[in-house]
Amino acid sequence: MSNAYEDAVKSMPRELYQRMVDAVSTGRWPDGRTLTEAQRKETMDAVLLWGEFHLPPEERVGFIDKGEKAGDTCDDPVPLKWQ
């Protein structure tokens, strides 16, 4: 990835980021045109990169909260019983 691309994404305003998130999630640009598969991929790449620059992990697209373990050991596995 080039530095020019990263700089362009980093300087993108939050409003443009949000429109891109909406476009990827709906499959349409704000004017109603359908995203091509290539546009969807490139837009998603930009959304993910923008999030890395500007958002804490828990606010980024695709974040999964895995929580915390209660202790240091896991429960003993229980074998499945097939009937």
PDB file of N, CA and C in Angstrom:
ATOM      1  N   MET A   1       0.842  -1.159   0.000  1.00  0.00           N
ATOM      2  CA  MET A   1       0.000   0.000   0.000  1.00  0.00           C
ATOM      3  C   MET A   1       0.901   1.239   0.000  1.00  0.00           C
ATOM      4  N   SER A   2       0.594   2.179  -0.868  1.00  0.00           N
ATOM      5  CA  SER A   2       1.453   3.349  -1.003  1.00  0.00           C
ATOM      6  C   SER A   2       1.182   4.361   0.109  1.00  0.00           C
ATOM      7  N   ASN A   3       2.185   5.172   0.377  1.00  0.00           N
ATOM      8  CA  ASN A   3       2.033   6.223   1.381  1.00  0.00           C
ATOM      9  C   ASN A   3       1.002   7.250   0.941  1.00  0.00           C
ATOM     10  N   ALA A   4       0.918   7.516  -0.367  1.00  0.00           N
ATOM     11  CA  ALA A   4      -0.056   8.491  -0.867  1.00  0.00           C
ATOM     12  C   ALA A   4      -1.483   8.004  -0.583  1.00  0.00           C
ATOM     13  N   TYR A   5      -1.741   6.715  -0.780  1.00  0.00           N
ATOM     14  CA  TYR A   5      -3.057   6.147  -0.503  1.00  0.00           C
ATOM     15  C   TYR A   5      -3.371   6.249   0.988  1.00  0.00           C
ATOM     16  N   GLU A   6      -2.410   5.869   1.824  1.00  0.00           N
ATOM     17  CA  GLU A   6      -2.614   5.941   3.270  1.00  0.00           C
ATOM     18  C   GLU A   6      -2.863   7.379   3.710  1.00  0.00           C
ATOM     19  N   ASP A   7      -2.118   8.338   3.142  1.00  0.00           N
ATOM     20  CA  ASP A   7      -2.313   9.749   3.482  1.00  0.00           C
ATOM     21  C   ASP A   7      -3.699  10.229   3.064  1.00  0.00           C
ATOM     22  N   ALA A   8      -4.153   9.795   1.899  1.00  0.00           N
ATOM     23  CA  ALA A   8      -5.479  10.191   1.412  1.00  0.00           C
ATOM     24  C   ALA A   8      -6.572   9.646   2.329  1.00  0.00           C
ATOM     25  N   VAL A   9      -6.445   8.396   2.726  1.00  0.00           N
ATOM     26  CA  VAL A   9      -7.440   7.793   3.613  1.00  0.00           C
ATOM     27  C   VAL A   9      -7.378   8.455   4.987  1.00  0.00           C
ATOM     28  N   LYS A  10      -6.180   8.702   5.477  1.00  0.00           N
ATOM     29  CA  LYS A  10      -6.026   9.326   6.799  1.00  0.00           C
ATOM     30  C   LYS A  10      -6.661  10.713   6.839  1.00  0.00           C
ATOM     31  N   SER A  11      -6.582  11.465   5.745  1.00  0.00           N
ATOM     32  CA  SER A  11      -7.110  12.827   5.733  1.00  0.00           C
ATOM     33  C   SER A  11      -8.600  12.897   5.376  1.00  0.00           C
ATOM     34  N   MET A  12      -9.199  11.755   5.095  1.00  0.00           N
ATOM     35  CA  MET A  12     -10.616  11.700   4.737  1.00  0.00           C
ATOM     36  C   MET A  12     -11.471  12.154   5.917  1.00  0.00           C
ATOM     37  N   PRO A  13     -12.443  13.048   5.680  1.00  0.00           N
ATOM     38  CA  PRO A  13     -13.302  13.480   6.789  1.00  0.00           C
ATOM     39  C   PRO A  13     -14.220  12.359   7.277  1.00  0.00           C
ATOM     40  N   ARG A  14     -14.625  12.452   8.527  1.00  0.00           N
ATOM     41  CA  ARG A  14     -15.483  11.422   9.128  1.00  0.00           C
ATOM     42  C   ARG A  14     -16.795  11.262   8.356  1.00  0.00           C
ATOM     43  N   GLU A  15     -17.338  12.350   7.814  1.00  0.00           N
ATOM     44  CA  GLU A  15     -18.597  12.275   7.061  1.00  0.00           C
ATOM     45  C   GLU A  15     -18.445  11.378   5.836  1.00  0.00           C
ATOM     46  N   LEU A  16     -17.316  11.486   5.148  1.00  0.00           N
ATOM     47  CA  LEU A  16     -17.070  10.626   3.989  1.00  0.00           C
ATOM     48  C   LEU A  16     -16.906   9.178   4.434  1.00  0.00           C
ATOM     49  N   TYR A  17     -16.189   8.971   5.533  1.00  0.00           N
ATOM     50  CA  TYR A  17     -16.051   7.624   6.093  1.00  0.00           C
ATOM     51  C   TYR A  17     -17.420   7.017   6.358  1.00  0.00           C
ATOM     52  N   GLN A  18     -18.319   7.784   6.988  1.00  0.00           N
ATOM     53  CA  GLN A  18     -19.642   7.252   7.325  1.00  0.00           C
ATOM     54  C   GLN A  18     -20.443   6.934   6.066  1.00  0.00           C
ATOM     55  N   ARG A  19     -20.332   7.779   5.025  1.00  0.00           N
ATOM     56  CA  ARG A  19     -21.034   7.485   3.766  1.00  0.00           C
ATOM     57  C   ARG A  19     -20.496   6.208   3.137  1.00  0.00           C
ATOM     58  N   MET A  20     -19.188   5.980   3.271  1.00  0.00           N
ATOM     59  CA  MET A  20     -18.597   4.756   2.728  1.00  0.00           C
ATOM     60  C   MET A  20     -19.057   3.529   3.520  1.00  0.00           C
ATOM     61  N   VAL A  21     -19.141   3.650   4.842  1.00  0.00           N
ATOM     62  CA  VAL A  21     -19.660   2.548   5.674  1.00  0.00           C
ATOM     63  C   VAL A  21     -21.086   2.216   5.243  1.00  0.00           C
ATOM     64  N   ASP A  22     -21.905   3.255   5.078  1.00  0.00           N
ATOM     65  CA  ASP A  22     -23.291   3.051   4.656  1.00  0.00           C
ATOM     66  C   ASP A  22     -23.360   2.399   3.277  1.00  0.00           C
ATOM     67  N   ALA A  23     -22.486   2.827   2.362  1.00  0.00           N
ATOM     68  CA  ALA A  23     -22.481   2.265   1.009  1.00  0.00           C
ATOM     69  C   ALA A  23     -22.130   0.778   1.027  1.00  0.00           C
ATOM     70  N   VAL A  24     -21.136   0.417   1.826  1.00  0.00           N
ATOM     71  CA  VAL A  24     -20.745  -0.993   1.902  1.00  0.00           C
ATOM     72  C   VAL A  24     -21.870  -1.819   2.531  1.00  0.00           C
ATOM     73  N   SER A  25     -22.510  -1.282   3.557  1.00  0.00           N
ATOM     74  CA  SER A  25     -23.540  -2.063   4.240  1.00  0.00           C
ATOM     75  C   SER A  25     -24.816  -2.196   3.414  1.00  0.00           C
ATOM     76  N   THR A  26     -25.143  -1.190   2.595  1.00  0.00           N
ATOM     77  CA  THR A  26     -26.372  -1.259   1.788  1.00  0.00           C
ATOM     78  C   THR A  26     -26.121  -1.731   0.359  1.00  0.00           C
ATOM     79  N   GLY A  27     -24.853  -1.648  -0.084  1.00  0.00           N
ATOM     80  CA  GLY A  27     -24.538  -2.015  -1.464  1.00  0.00           C
ATOM     81  C   GLY A  27     -24.861  -0.917  -2.462  1.00  0.00           C
ATOM     82  N   ARG A  28     -25.139   0.287  -1.959  1.00  0.00           N
ATOM     83  CA  ARG A  28     -25.499   1.408  -2.828  1.00  0.00           C
ATOM     84  C   ARG A  28     -24.782   2.681  -2.372  1.00  0.00           C
ATOM     85  N   TRP A  29     -24.440   3.516  -3.372  1.00  0.00           N
ATOM     86  CA  TRP A  29     -23.903   4.837  -3.087  1.00  0.00           C
ATOM     87  C   TRP A  29     -25.046   5.723  -2.601  1.00  0.00           C
ATOM     88  N   PRO A  30     -24.725   6.858  -1.959  1.00  0.00           N
ATOM     89  CA  PRO A  30     -25.796   7.741  -1.474  1.00  0.00           C
ATOM     90  C   PRO A  30     -26.777   8.187  -2.562  1.00  0.00           C
ATOM     91  N   ASP A  31     -26.328   8.224  -3.829  1.00  0.00           N
ATOM     92  CA  ASP A  31     -27.240   8.636  -4.906  1.00  0.00           C
ATOM     93  C   ASP A  31     -28.066   7.477  -5.459  1.00  0.00           C
ATOM     94  N   GLY A  32     -27.923   6.285  -4.866  1.00  0.00           N
ATOM     95  CA  GLY A  32     -28.740   5.143  -5.260  1.00  0.00           C
ATOM     96  C   GLY A  32     -28.083   4.165  -6.220  1.00  0.00           C
ATOM     97  N   ARG A  33     -26.945   4.556  -6.806  1.00  0.00           N
ATOM     98  CA  ARG A  33     -26.265   3.632  -7.722  1.00  0.00           C
ATOM     99  C   ARG A  33     -25.707   2.439  -6.943  1.00  0.00           C
ATOM    100  N   THR A  34     -25.719   1.280  -7.584  1.00  0.00           N
ATOM    101  CA  THR A  34     -25.212   0.060  -6.969  1.00  0.00           C
ATOM    102  C   THR A  34     -23.691   0.025  -7.038  1.00  0.00           C
ATOM    103  N   LEU A  35     -23.054  -0.402  -5.942  1.00  0.00           N
ATOM    104  CA  LEU A  35     -21.607  -0.585  -5.936  1.00  0.00           C
ATOM    105  C   LEU A  35     -21.259  -1.816  -6.753  1.00  0.00           C
ATOM    106  N   THR A  36     -20.204  -1.719  -7.550  1.00  0.00           N
ATOM    107  CA  THR A  36     -19.690  -2.907  -8.214  1.00  0.00           C
ATOM    108  C   THR A  36     -18.910  -3.713  -7.178  1.00  0.00           C
ATOM    109  N   GLU A  37     -18.590  -4.929  -7.497  1.00  0.00           N
ATOM    110  CA  GLU A  37     -17.827  -5.759  -6.565  1.00  0.00           C
ATOM    111  C   GLU A  37     -16.462  -5.127  -6.294  1.00  0.00           C
ATOM    112  N   ALA A  38     -15.831  -4.564  -7.320  1.00  0.00           N
ATOM    113  CA  ALA A  38     -14.528  -3.907  -7.141  1.00  0.00           C
ATOM    114  C   ALA A  38     -14.666  -2.676  -6.244  1.00  0.00           C
ATOM    115  N   GLN A  39     -15.719  -1.894  -6.438  1.00  0.00           N
ATOM    116  CA  GLN A  39     -15.951  -0.721  -5.592  1.00  0.00           C
ATOM    117  C   GLN A  39     -16.199  -1.121  -4.149  1.00  0.00           C
ATOM    118  N   ARG A  40     -16.948  -2.183  -3.962  1.00  0.00           N
ATOM    119  CA  ARG A  40     -17.223  -2.665  -2.600  1.00  0.00           C
ATOM    120  C   ARG A  40     -15.928  -3.055  -1.903  1.00  0.00           C
ATOM    121  N   LYS A  41     -15.053  -3.771  -2.595  1.00  0.00           N
ATOM    122  CA  LYS A  41     -13.784  -4.194  -2.005  1.00  0.00           C
ATOM    123  C   LYS A  41     -12.916  -2.990  -1.668  1.00  0.00           C
ATOM    124  N   GLU A  42     -12.754  -2.073  -2.616  1.00  0.00           N
ATOM    125  CA  GLU A  42     -11.906  -0.903  -2.382  1.00  0.00           C
ATOM    126  C   GLU A  42     -12.473  -0.010  -1.287  1.00  0.00           C
ATOM    127  N   THR A  43     -13.777   0.146  -1.258  1.00  0.00           N
ATOM    128  CA  THR A  43     -14.412   0.963  -0.236  1.00  0.00           C
ATOM    129  C   THR A  43     -14.239   0.331   1.131  1.00  0.00           C
ATOM    130  N   MET A  44     -14.413  -0.970   1.233  1.00  0.00           N
ATOM    131  CA  MET A  44     -14.222  -1.661   2.509  1.00  0.00           C
ATOM    132  C   MET A  44     -12.775  -1.536   2.977  1.00  0.00           C
ATOM    133  N   ASP A  45     -11.818  -1.665   2.054  1.00  0.00           N
ATOM    134  CA  ASP A  45     -10.412  -1.502   2.429  1.00  0.00           C
ATOM    135  C   ASP A  45     -10.165  -0.112   3.011  1.00  0.00           C
ATOM    136  N   ALA A  46     -10.737   0.920   2.384  1.00  0.00           N
ATOM    137  CA  ALA A  46     -10.564   2.288   2.870  1.00  0.00           C
ATOM    138  C   ALA A  46     -11.231   2.477   4.235  1.00  0.00           C
ATOM    139  N   VAL A  47     -12.416   1.897   4.406  1.00  0.00           N
ATOM    140  CA  VAL A  47     -13.131   1.990   5.687  1.00  0.00           C
ATOM    141  C   VAL A  47     -12.305   1.349   6.809  1.00  0.00           C
ATOM    142  N   LEU A  48     -11.760   0.179   6.550  1.00  0.00           N
ATOM    143  CA  LEU A  48     -10.972  -0.510   7.571  1.00  0.00           C
ATOM    144  C   LEU A  48      -9.710   0.278   7.914  1.00  0.00           C
ATOM    145  N   LEU A  49      -9.039   0.811   6.895  1.00  0.00           N
ATOM    146  CA  LEU A  49      -7.818   1.570   7.128  1.00  0.00           C
ATOM    147  C   LEU A  49      -8.119   2.870   7.873  1.00  0.00           C
ATOM    148  N   TRP A  50      -9.187   3.570   7.494  1.00  0.00           N
ATOM    149  CA  TRP A  50      -9.566   4.808   8.180  1.00  0.00           C
ATOM    150  C   TRP A  50      -9.819   4.515   9.660  1.00  0.00           C
ATOM    151  N   GLY A  51     -10.492   3.415   9.943  1.00  0.00           N
ATOM    152  CA  GLY A  51     -10.762   3.038  11.325  1.00  0.00           C
ATOM    153  C   GLY A  51      -9.492   2.801  12.125  1.00  0.00           C
ATOM    154  N   GLU A  52      -8.496   2.189  11.485  1.00  0.00           N
ATOM    155  CA  GLU A  52      -7.222   1.955  12.178  1.00  0.00           C
ATOM    156  C   GLU A  52      -6.555   3.269  12.565  1.00  0.00           C
ATOM    157  N   PHE A  53      -6.699   4.288  11.713  1.00  0.00           N
ATOM    158  CA  PHE A  53      -6.086   5.588  11.986  1.00  0.00           C
ATOM    159  C   PHE A  53      -6.846   6.397  13.027  1.00  0.00           C
ATOM    160  N   HIS A  54      -8.168   6.303  13.062  1.00  0.00           N
ATOM    161  CA  HIS A  54      -8.972   7.260  13.815  1.00  0.00           C
ATOM    162  C   HIS A  54      -9.840   6.694  14.937  1.00  0.00           C
ATOM    163  N   LEU A  55     -10.013   5.402  15.019  1.00  0.00           N
ATOM    164  CA  LEU A  55     -10.960   4.849  15.987  1.00  0.00           C
ATOM    165  C   LEU A  55     -10.285   3.865  16.933  1.00  0.00           C
ATOM    166  N   PRO A  56     -10.741   3.815  18.177  1.00  0.00           N
ATOM    167  CA  PRO A  56     -10.248   2.764  19.065  1.00  0.00           C
ATOM    168  C   PRO A  56     -10.791   1.414  18.579  1.00  0.00           C
ATOM    169  N   PRO A  57     -10.126   0.344  18.897  1.00  0.00           N
ATOM    170  CA  PRO A  57     -10.524  -0.971  18.365  1.00  0.00           C
ATOM    171  C   PRO A  57     -11.999  -1.312  18.551  1.00  0.00           C
ATOM    172  N   GLU A  58     -12.585  -0.966  19.701  1.00  0.00           N
ATOM    173  CA  GLU A  58     -13.973  -1.353  19.955  1.00  0.00           C
ATOM    174  C   GLU A  58     -14.973  -0.580  19.106  1.00  0.00           C
ATOM    175  N   GLU A  59     -14.547   0.468  18.412  1.00  0.00           N
ATOM    176  CA  GLU A  59     -15.458   1.227  17.551  1.00  0.00           C
ATOM    177  C   GLU A  59     -15.260   0.935  16.065  1.00  0.00           C
ATOM    178  N   ARG A  60     -14.306   0.098  15.729  1.00  0.00           N
ATOM    179  CA  ARG A  60     -14.009  -0.192  14.327  1.00  0.00           C
ATOM    180  C   ARG A  60     -14.994  -1.182  13.732  1.00  0.00           C
ATOM    181  N   VAL A  61     -15.153  -1.080  12.413  1.00  0.00           N
ATOM    182  CA  VAL A  61     -15.997  -2.021  11.684  1.00  0.00           C
ATOM    183  C   VAL A  61     -15.432  -3.429  11.882  1.00  0.00           C
ATOM    184  N   GLY A  62     -16.298  -4.359  12.232  1.00  0.00           N
ATOM    185  CA  GLY A  62     -15.884  -5.754  12.380  1.00  0.00           C
ATOM    186  C   GLY A  62     -15.372  -6.129  13.755  1.00  0.00           C
ATOM    187  N   PHE A  63     -15.368  -5.198  14.711  1.00  0.00           N
ATOM    188  CA  PHE A  63     -14.876  -5.512  16.052  1.00  0.00           C
ATOM    189  C   PHE A  63     -15.770  -6.557  16.704  1.00  0.00           C
ATOM    190  N   ILE A  64     -15.134  -7.541  17.316  1.00  0.00           N
ATOM    191  CA  ILE A  64     -15.859  -8.568  18.066  1.00  0.00           C
ATOM    192  C   ILE A  64     -15.361  -8.517  19.501  1.00  0.00           C
ATOM    193  N   ASP A  65     -16.265  -8.248  20.422  1.00  0.00           N
ATOM    194  CA  ASP A  65     -15.908  -8.198  21.834  1.00  0.00           C
ATOM    195  C   ASP A  65     -15.814  -9.623  22.363  1.00  0.00           C
ATOM    196  N   LYS A  66     -14.610 -10.042  22.669  1.00  0.00           N
ATOM    197  CA  LYS A  66     -14.397 -11.399  23.149  1.00  0.00           C
ATOM    198  C   LYS A  66     -14.460 -11.484  24.665  1.00  0.00           C
ATOM    199  N   GLY A  67     -14.641 -10.341  25.318  1.00  0.00           N
ATOM    200  CA  GLY A  67     -14.760 -10.345  26.768  1.00  0.00           C
ATOM    201  C   GLY A  67     -13.476 -10.782  27.443  1.00  0.00           C
ATOM    202  N   GLU A  68     -13.593 -11.107  28.710  1.00  0.00           N
ATOM    203  CA  GLU A  68     -12.442 -11.558  29.484  1.00  0.00           C
ATOM    204  C   GLU A  68     -12.766 -12.889  30.146  1.00  0.00           C
ATOM    205  N   LYS A  69     -11.734 -13.694  30.317  1.00  0.00           N
ATOM    206  CA  LYS A  69     -11.913 -14.953  31.018  1.00  0.00           C
ATOM    207  C   LYS A  69     -12.072 -14.689  32.504  1.00  0.00           C
ATOM    208  N   ALA A  70     -12.895 -15.481  33.160  1.00  0.00           N
ATOM    209  CA  ALA A  70     -13.113 -15.322  34.587  1.00  0.00           C
ATOM    210  C   ALA A  70     -11.898 -15.779  35.395  1.00  0.00           C
ATOM    211  N   GLY A  71     -11.183 -16.746  34.886  1.00  0.00           N
ATOM    212  CA  GLY A  71     -10.028 -17.279  35.606  1.00  0.00           C
ATOM    213  C   GLY A  71      -8.922 -17.657  34.650  1.00  0.00           C
ATOM    214  N   ASP A  72      -7.925 -18.358  35.182  1.00  0.00           N
ATOM    215  CA  ASP A  72      -6.794 -18.748  34.354  1.00  0.00           C
ATOM    216  C   ASP A  72      -6.995 -20.076  33.655  1.00  0.00           C
ATOM    217  N   THR A  73      -7.980 -20.864  34.095  1.00  0.00           N
ATOM    218  CA  THR A  73      -8.183 -22.176  33.491  1.00  0.00           C
ATOM    219  C   THR A  73      -9.545 -22.229  32.807  1.00  0.00           C
ATOM    220  N   CYS A  74      -9.607 -23.050  31.804  1.00  0.00           N
ATOM    221  CA  CYS A  74     -10.872 -23.267  31.095  1.00  0.00           C
ATOM    222  C   CYS A  74     -11.613 -24.432  31.736  1.00  0.00           C
ATOM    223  N   ASP A  75     -12.904 -24.510  31.471  1.00  0.00           N
ATOM    224  CA  ASP A  75     -13.687 -25.656  31.953  1.00  0.00           C
ATOM    225  C   ASP A  75     -13.175 -26.929  31.293  1.00  0.00           C
ATOM    226  N   ASP A  76     -13.334 -28.047  32.003  1.00  0.00           N
ATOM    227  CA  ASP A  76     -12.971 -29.323  31.415  1.00  0.00           C
ATOM    228  C   ASP A  76     -13.924 -29.628  30.272  1.00  0.00           C
ATOM    229  N   PRO A  77     -13.405 -30.141  29.154  1.00  0.00           N
ATOM    230  CA  PRO A  77     -14.298 -30.459  28.035  1.00  0.00           C
ATOM    231  C   PRO A  77     -15.277 -31.575  28.398  1.00  0.00           C
ATOM    232  N   VAL A  78     -16.456 -31.471  27.866  1.00  0.00           N
ATOM    233  CA  VAL A  78     -17.495 -32.477  28.090  1.00  0.00           C
ATOM    234  C   VAL A  78     -17.723 -33.192  26.773  1.00  0.00           C
ATOM    235  N   PRO A  79     -17.567 -34.522  26.751  1.00  0.00           N
ATOM    236  CA  PRO A  79     -17.775 -35.232  25.499  1.00  0.00           C
ATOM    237  C   PRO A  79     -19.241 -35.158  25.035  1.00  0.00           C
ATOM    238  N   LEU A  80     -19.420 -35.104  23.729  1.00  0.00           N
ATOM    239  CA  LEU A  80     -20.772 -35.118  23.170  1.00  0.00           C
ATOM    240  C   LEU A  80     -21.353 -36.510  23.258  1.00  0.00           C
ATOM    241  N   LYS A  81     -22.648 -36.602  23.495  1.00  0.00           N
ATOM    242  CA  LYS A  81     -23.323 -37.897  23.530  1.00  0.00           C
ATOM    243  C   LYS A  81     -24.227 -37.975  22.323  1.00  0.00           C
ATOM    244  N   TRP A  82     -23.898 -38.842  21.372  1.00  0.00           N
ATOM    245  CA  TRP A  82     -24.707 -39.021  20.166  1.00  0.00           C
ATOM    246  C   TRP A  82     -25.831 -40.002  20.446  1.00  0.00           C
ATOM    247  N   GLN A  83     -26.991 -39.680  19.988  1.00  0.00           N
ATOM    248  CA  GLN A  83     -28.114 -40.589  20.202  1.00  0.00           C
ATOM    249  C   GLN A  83     -28.598 -41.154  18.905  1.00  0.00           C
TER     250      GLN A  83
END
